[in-house]
Amino acid sequence: MSNDIQPREWLKEIRGNRTQKEMSEALGISRQYYSQLELGLRGTSYTTACKLAQKLGVPWTRFYENDSPALE
């Protein structure tokens, strides 16, 4: 299988019952961008990863790891 797309399940866990629109507004990004991040279709720059991680309360490196549970 040549598909390297890795959904970020940990983002879904953090989102909980909130909509992607609610999360994207809280993070200051578009809903489309948030959706692409959650689905693993898009990466993010170091600067953006740091900003999002700070708002989410996770290490910025989380955006560059293979998917695993949010709380280890």
PDB file of N, CA and C in Angstrom:
ATOM      1  N   MET A   1       0.853  -1.187   0.000  1.00  0.00           N
ATOM      2  CA  MET A   1       0.000   0.000   0.000  1.00  0.00           C
ATOM      3  C   MET A   1       0.890   1.238   0.000  1.00  0.00           C
ATOM      4  N   SER A   2       0.709   2.144  -0.942  1.00  0.00           N
ATOM      5  CA  SER A   2       1.575   3.317  -1.052  1.00  0.00           C
ATOM      6  C   SER A   2       0.968   4.577  -0.436  1.00  0.00           C
ATOM      7  N   ASN A   3      -0.140   4.453   0.235  1.00  0.00           N
ATOM      8  CA  ASN A   3      -0.819   5.599   0.826  1.00  0.00           C
ATOM      9  C   ASN A   3      -0.211   5.908   2.195  1.00  0.00           C
ATOM     10  N   ASP A   4       0.449   7.058   2.328  1.00  0.00           N
ATOM     11  CA  ASP A   4       1.103   7.435   3.575  1.00  0.00           C
ATOM     12  C   ASP A   4       0.256   8.360   4.446  1.00  0.00           C
ATOM     13  N   ILE A   5      -1.020   8.514   4.138  1.00  0.00           N
ATOM     14  CA  ILE A   5      -1.886   9.406   4.903  1.00  0.00           C
ATOM     15  C   ILE A   5      -2.125   8.804   6.285  1.00  0.00           C
ATOM     16  N   GLN A   6      -1.815   9.589   7.300  1.00  0.00           N
ATOM     17  CA  GLN A   6      -1.982   9.171   8.688  1.00  0.00           C
ATOM     18  C   GLN A   6      -2.955  10.117   9.388  1.00  0.00           C
ATOM     19  N   PRO A   7      -4.231   9.710   9.529  1.00  0.00           N
ATOM     20  CA  PRO A   7      -5.163  10.579  10.251  1.00  0.00           C
ATOM     21  C   PRO A   7      -4.649  10.861  11.656  1.00  0.00           C
ATOM     22  N   ARG A   8      -4.877  12.051  12.124  1.00  0.00           N
ATOM     23  CA  ARG A   8      -4.445  12.436  13.480  1.00  0.00           C
ATOM     24  C   ARG A   8      -5.616  12.208  14.437  1.00  0.00           C
ATOM     25  N   GLU A   9      -5.738  10.954  14.848  1.00  0.00           N
ATOM     26  CA  GLU A   9      -6.838  10.577  15.742  1.00  0.00           C
ATOM     27  C   GLU A   9      -6.789  11.368  17.041  1.00  0.00           C
ATOM     28  N   TRP A  10      -5.589  11.744  17.469  1.00  0.00           N
ATOM     29  CA  TRP A  10      -5.455  12.500  18.712  1.00  0.00           C
ATOM     30  C   TRP A  10      -6.144  13.856  18.610  1.00  0.00           C
ATOM     31  N   LEU A  11      -6.184  14.442  17.402  1.00  0.00           N
ATOM     32  CA  LEU A  11      -6.902  15.709  17.231  1.00  0.00           C
ATOM     33  C   LEU A  11      -8.401  15.490  17.404  1.00  0.00           C
ATOM     34  N   LYS A  12      -8.904  14.383  16.884  1.00  0.00           N
ATOM     35  CA  LYS A  12     -10.328  14.057  17.055  1.00  0.00           C
ATOM     36  C   LYS A  12     -10.654  13.862  18.527  1.00  0.00           C
ATOM     37  N   GLU A  13      -9.733  13.192  19.249  1.00  0.00           N
ATOM     38  CA  GLU A  13      -9.949  12.974  20.685  1.00  0.00           C
ATOM     39  C   GLU A  13     -10.003  14.295  21.441  1.00  0.00           C
ATOM     40  N   ILE A  14      -9.097  15.192  21.110  1.00  0.00           N
ATOM     41  CA  ILE A  14      -9.081  16.500  21.768  1.00  0.00           C
ATOM     42  C   ILE A  14     -10.346  17.287  21.434  1.00  0.00           C
ATOM     43  N   ARG A  15     -10.782  17.181  20.185  1.00  0.00           N
ATOM     44  CA  ARG A  15     -11.979  17.915  19.741  1.00  0.00           C
ATOM     45  C   ARG A  15     -13.211  17.457  20.494  1.00  0.00           C
ATOM     46  N   GLY A  16     -13.293  16.167  20.793  1.00  0.00           N
ATOM     47  CA  GLY A  16     -14.435  15.637  21.535  1.00  0.00           C
ATOM     48  C   GLY A  16     -15.747  15.868  20.811  1.00  0.00           C
ATOM     49  N   ASN A  17     -16.702  16.491  21.493  1.00  0.00           N
ATOM     50  CA  ASN A  17     -18.027  16.735  20.930  1.00  0.00           C
ATOM     51  C   ASN A  17     -18.121  18.042  20.147  1.00  0.00           C
ATOM     52  N   ARG A  18     -17.029  18.801  20.121  1.00  0.00           N
ATOM     53  CA  ARG A  18     -17.049  20.057  19.377  1.00  0.00           C
ATOM     54  C   ARG A  18     -16.983  19.785  17.878  1.00  0.00           C
ATOM     55  N   THR A  19     -17.514  20.685  17.099  1.00  0.00           N
ATOM     56  CA  THR A  19     -17.446  20.555  15.648  1.00  0.00           C
ATOM     57  C   THR A  19     -16.082  21.018  15.155  1.00  0.00           C
ATOM     58  N   GLN A  20     -15.752  20.648  13.924  1.00  0.00           N
ATOM     59  CA  GLN A  20     -14.515  21.135  13.330  1.00  0.00           C
ATOM     60  C   GLN A  20     -14.551  22.654  13.211  1.00  0.00           C
ATOM     61  N   LYS A  21     -15.718  23.207  12.953  1.00  0.00           N
ATOM     62  CA  LYS A  21     -15.847  24.665  12.860  1.00  0.00           C
ATOM     63  C   LYS A  21     -15.528  25.314  14.206  1.00  0.00           C
ATOM     64  N   GLU A  22     -16.061  24.773  15.284  1.00  0.00           N
ATOM     65  CA  GLU A  22     -15.786  25.318  16.619  1.00  0.00           C
ATOM     66  C   GLU A  22     -14.295  25.241  16.947  1.00  0.00           C
ATOM     67  N   MET A  23     -13.674  24.110  16.627  1.00  0.00           N
ATOM     68  CA  MET A  23     -12.243  23.949  16.898  1.00  0.00           C
ATOM     69  C   MET A  23     -11.417  24.919  16.068  1.00  0.00           C
ATOM     70  N   SER A  24     -11.743  25.020  14.787  1.00  0.00           N
ATOM     71  CA  SER A  24     -10.955  25.899  13.915  1.00  0.00           C
ATOM     72  C   SER A  24     -11.069  27.355  14.358  1.00  0.00           C
ATOM     73  N   GLU A  25     -12.254  27.771  14.778  1.00  0.00           N
ATOM     74  CA  GLU A  25     -12.429  29.144  15.258  1.00  0.00           C
ATOM     75  C   GLU A  25     -11.624  29.374  16.533  1.00  0.00           C
ATOM     76  N   ALA A  26     -11.610  28.395  17.427  1.00  0.00           N
ATOM     77  CA  ALA A  26     -10.846  28.521  18.671  1.00  0.00           C
ATOM     78  C   ALA A  26      -9.341  28.584  18.392  1.00  0.00           C
ATOM     79  N   LEU A  27      -8.908  27.905  17.326  1.00  0.00           N
ATOM     80  CA  LEU A  27      -7.492  27.867  16.978  1.00  0.00           C
ATOM     81  C   LEU A  27      -7.079  28.990  16.038  1.00  0.00           C
ATOM     82  N   GLY A  28      -8.057  29.693  15.474  1.00  0.00           N
ATOM     83  CA  GLY A  28      -7.745  30.799  14.573  1.00  0.00           C
ATOM     84  C   GLY A  28      -7.319  30.354  13.180  1.00  0.00           C
ATOM     85  N   ILE A  29      -7.838  29.205  12.733  1.00  0.00           N
ATOM     86  CA  ILE A  29      -7.548  28.713  11.386  1.00  0.00           C
ATOM     87  C   ILE A  29      -8.867  28.391  10.689  1.00  0.00           C
ATOM     88  N   SER A  30      -8.827  28.177   9.383  1.00  0.00           N
ATOM     89  CA  SER A  30     -10.057  27.856   8.657  1.00  0.00           C
ATOM     90  C   SER A  30     -10.509  26.433   8.988  1.00  0.00           C
ATOM     91  N   ARG A  31     -11.802  26.195   8.834  1.00  0.00           N
ATOM     92  CA  ARG A  31     -12.331  24.859   9.074  1.00  0.00           C
ATOM     93  C   ARG A  31     -11.724  23.864   8.093  1.00  0.00           C
ATOM     94  N   GLN A  32     -11.519  24.305   6.852  1.00  0.00           N
ATOM     95  CA  GLN A  32     -10.944  23.420   5.845  1.00  0.00           C
ATOM     96  C   GLN A  32      -9.524  22.994   6.240  1.00  0.00           C
ATOM     97  N   TYR A  33      -8.737  23.951   6.703  1.00  0.00           N
ATOM     98  CA  TYR A  33      -7.366  23.643   7.121  1.00  0.00           C
ATOM     99  C   TYR A  33      -7.382  22.690   8.310  1.00  0.00           C
ATOM    100  N   TYR A  34      -8.246  22.961   9.282  1.00  0.00           N
ATOM    101  CA  TYR A  34      -8.352  22.079  10.446  1.00  0.00           C
ATOM    102  C   TYR A  34      -8.731  20.669  10.010  1.00  0.00           C
ATOM    103  N   SER A  35      -9.711  20.552   9.131  1.00  0.00           N
ATOM    104  CA  SER A  35     -10.149  19.253   8.633  1.00  0.00           C
ATOM    105  C   SER A  35      -9.003  18.501   7.973  1.00  0.00           C
ATOM    106  N   GLN A  36      -8.219  19.203   7.154  1.00  0.00           N
ATOM    107  CA  GLN A  36      -7.085  18.578   6.474  1.00  0.00           C
ATOM    108  C   GLN A  36      -6.017  18.131   7.473  1.00  0.00           C
ATOM    109  N   LEU A  37      -5.807  18.906   8.521  1.00  0.00           N
ATOM    110  CA  LEU A  37      -4.865  18.506   9.570  1.00  0.00           C
ATOM    111  C   LEU A  37      -5.350  17.239  10.272  1.00  0.00           C
ATOM    112  N   GLU A  38      -6.633  17.231  10.622  1.00  0.00           N
ATOM    113  CA  GLU A  38      -7.205  16.102  11.345  1.00  0.00           C
ATOM    114  C   GLU A  38      -7.162  14.822  10.498  1.00  0.00           C
ATOM    115  N   LEU A  39      -7.407  14.952   9.218  1.00  0.00           N
ATOM    116  CA  LEU A  39      -7.410  13.799   8.319  1.00  0.00           C
ATOM    117  C   LEU A  39      -6.005  13.363   7.904  1.00  0.00           C
ATOM    118  N   GLY A  40      -5.011  14.164   8.240  1.00  0.00           N
ATOM    119  CA  GLY A  40      -3.642  13.844   7.865  1.00  0.00           C
ATOM    120  C   GLY A  40      -3.321  14.165   6.423  1.00  0.00           C
ATOM    121  N   LEU A  41      -4.166  14.978   5.796  1.00  0.00           N
ATOM    122  CA  LEU A  41      -3.960  15.338   4.391  1.00  0.00           C
ATOM    123  C   LEU A  41      -3.000  16.499   4.224  1.00  0.00           C
ATOM    124  N   ARG A  42      -2.729  17.196   5.323  1.00  0.00           N
ATOM    125  CA  ARG A  42      -1.885  18.385   5.244  1.00  0.00           C
ATOM    126  C   ARG A  42      -0.972  18.453   6.453  1.00  0.00           C
ATOM    127  N   GLY A  43       0.233  18.889   6.202  1.00  0.00           N
ATOM    128  CA  GLY A  43       1.173  19.122   7.285  1.00  0.00           C
ATOM    129  C   GLY A  43       1.067  20.571   7.735  1.00  0.00           C
ATOM    130  N   THR A  44       1.966  20.958   8.599  1.00  0.00           N
ATOM    131  CA  THR A  44       1.967  22.329   9.094  1.00  0.00           C
ATOM    132  C   THR A  44       3.408  22.777   9.310  1.00  0.00           C
ATOM    133  N   SER A  45       3.606  24.066   9.236  1.00  0.00           N
ATOM    134  CA  SER A  45       4.942  24.607   9.462  1.00  0.00           C
ATOM    135  C   SER A  45       5.278  24.530  10.947  1.00  0.00           C
ATOM    136  N   TYR A  46       6.555  24.693  11.245  1.00  0.00           N
ATOM    137  CA  TYR A  46       7.005  24.709  12.634  1.00  0.00           C
ATOM    138  C   TYR A  46       6.280  25.803  13.419  1.00  0.00           C
ATOM    139  N   THR A  47       6.206  26.989  12.846  1.00  0.00           N
ATOM    140  CA  THR A  47       5.582  28.127  13.528  1.00  0.00           C
ATOM    141  C   THR A  47       4.117  27.846  13.829  1.00  0.00           C
ATOM    142  N   THR A  48       3.392  27.341  12.836  1.00  0.00           N
ATOM    143  CA  THR A  48       1.968  27.039  13.030  1.00  0.00           C
ATOM    144  C   THR A  48       1.797  25.886  14.008  1.00  0.00           C
ATOM    145  N   ALA A  49       2.642  24.870  13.916  1.00  0.00           N
ATOM    146  CA  ALA A  49       2.569  23.740  14.846  1.00  0.00           C
ATOM    147  C   ALA A  49       2.748  24.227  16.285  1.00  0.00           C
ATOM    148  N   CYS A  50       3.683  25.142  16.496  1.00  0.00           N
ATOM    149  CA  CYS A  50       3.915  25.688  17.839  1.00  0.00           C
ATOM    150  C   CYS A  50       2.692  26.441  18.350  1.00  0.00           C
ATOM    151  N   LYS A  51       2.106  27.264  17.491  1.00  0.00           N
ATOM    152  CA  LYS A  51       0.928  28.045  17.893  1.00  0.00           C
ATOM    153  C   LYS A  51      -0.256  27.138  18.216  1.00  0.00           C
ATOM    154  N   LEU A  52      -0.513  26.158  17.340  1.00  0.00           N
ATOM    155  CA  LEU A  52      -1.633  25.246  17.559  1.00  0.00           C
ATOM    156  C   LEU A  52      -1.399  24.385  18.790  1.00  0.00           C
ATOM    157  N   ALA A  53      -0.180  23.899  18.948  1.00  0.00           N
ATOM    158  CA  ALA A  53       0.143  23.047  20.089  1.00  0.00           C
ATOM    159  C   ALA A  53      -0.055  23.788  21.409  1.00  0.00           C
ATOM    160  N   GLN A  54       0.350  25.055  21.435  1.00  0.00           N
ATOM    161  CA  GLN A  54       0.175  25.844  22.657  1.00  0.00           C
ATOM    162  C   GLN A  54      -1.308  25.965  22.996  1.00  0.00           C
ATOM    163  N   LYS A  55      -2.138  26.216  22.005  1.00  0.00           N
ATOM    164  CA  LYS A  55      -3.578  26.354  22.241  1.00  0.00           C
ATOM    165  C   LYS A  55      -4.223  25.027  22.618  1.00  0.00           C
ATOM    166  N   LEU A  56      -3.675  23.915  22.096  1.00  0.00           N
ATOM    167  CA  LEU A  56      -4.231  22.593  22.373  1.00  0.00           C
ATOM    168  C   LEU A  56      -3.659  21.955  23.628  1.00  0.00           C
ATOM    169  N   GLY A  57      -2.542  22.480  24.116  1.00  0.00           N
ATOM    170  CA  GLY A  57      -1.909  21.918  25.296  1.00  0.00           C
ATOM    171  C   GLY A  57      -1.154  20.626  25.017  1.00  0.00           C
ATOM    172  N   VAL A  58      -0.567  20.535  23.824  1.00  0.00           N
ATOM    173  CA  VAL A  58       0.236  19.370  23.449  1.00  0.00           C
ATOM    174  C   VAL A  58       1.602  19.850  22.979  1.00  0.00           C
ATOM    175  N   PRO A  59       2.607  18.970  22.960  1.00  0.00           N
ATOM    176  CA  PRO A  59       3.909  19.370  22.426  1.00  0.00           C
ATOM    177  C   PRO A  59       3.804  19.643  20.919  1.00  0.00           C
ATOM    178  N   TRP A  60       4.557  20.613  20.407  1.00  0.00           N
ATOM    179  CA  TRP A  60       4.497  20.946  18.978  1.00  0.00           C
ATOM    180  C   TRP A  60       4.937  19.769  18.116  1.00  0.00           C
ATOM    181  N   THR A  61       5.774  18.906  18.666  1.00  0.00           N
ATOM    182  CA  THR A  61       6.259  17.750  17.915  1.00  0.00           C
ATOM    183  C   THR A  61       5.146  16.754  17.601  1.00  0.00           C
ATOM    184  N   ARG A  62       4.038  16.867  18.307  1.00  0.00           N
ATOM    185  CA  ARG A  62       2.892  15.957  18.094  1.00  0.00           C
ATOM    186  C   ARG A  62       2.426  15.987  16.649  1.00  0.00           C
ATOM    187  N   PHE A  63       2.549  17.131  15.991  1.00  0.00           N
ATOM    188  CA  PHE A  63       2.096  17.259  14.609  1.00  0.00           C
ATOM    189  C   PHE A  63       2.990  16.501  13.632  1.00  0.00           C
ATOM    190  N   TYR A  64       4.151  16.053  14.089  1.00  0.00           N
ATOM    191  CA  TYR A  64       5.098  15.365  13.218  1.00  0.00           C
ATOM    192  C   TYR A  64       5.282  13.898  13.573  1.00  0.00           C
ATOM    193  N   GLU A  65       4.489  13.399  14.515  1.00  0.00           N
ATOM    194  CA  GLU A  65       4.592  12.018  14.942  1.00  0.00           C
ATOM    195  C   GLU A  65       3.539  11.166  14.248  1.00  0.00           C
ATOM    196  N   ASN A  66       3.794   9.857  14.181  1.00  0.00           N
ATOM    197  CA  ASN A  66       2.763   8.929  13.742  1.00  0.00           C
ATOM    198  C   ASN A  66       1.684   8.936  14.794  1.00  0.00           C
ATOM    199  N   ASP A  67       0.464   8.585  14.394  1.00  0.00           N
ATOM    200  CA  ASP A  67      -0.657   8.663  15.315  1.00  0.00           C
ATOM    201  C   ASP A  67      -0.530   7.662  16.450  1.00  0.00           C
ATOM    202  N   SER A  68      -0.803   8.150  17.646  1.00  0.00           N
ATOM    203  CA  SER A  68      -0.866   7.329  18.842  1.00  0.00           C
ATOM    204  C   SER A  68      -1.781   8.067  19.810  1.00  0.00           C
ATOM    205  N   PRO A  69      -2.173   7.441  20.905  1.00  0.00           N
ATOM    206  CA  PRO A  69      -3.097   8.117  21.826  1.00  0.00           C
ATOM    207  C   PRO A  69      -2.591   9.488  22.282  1.00  0.00           C
ATOM    208  N   ALA A  70      -3.524  10.416  22.489  1.00  0.00           N
ATOM    209  CA  ALA A  70      -3.197  11.790  22.874  1.00  0.00           C
ATOM    210  C   ALA A  70      -2.494  11.842  24.223  1.00  0.00           C
ATOM    211  N   LEU A  71      -2.935  11.034  25.151  1.00  0.00           N
ATOM    212  CA  LEU A  71      -2.341  11.031  26.490  1.00  0.00           C
ATOM    213  C   LEU A  71      -1.607   9.721  26.685  1.00  0.00           C
ATOM    214  N   GLU A  72      -0.327   9.816  26.874  1.00  0.00           N
ATOM    215  CA  GLU A  72       0.474   8.608  27.050  1.00  0.00           C
ATOM    216  C   GLU A  72       0.967   8.511  28.456  1.00  0.00           C
TER     217      GLU A  72
END
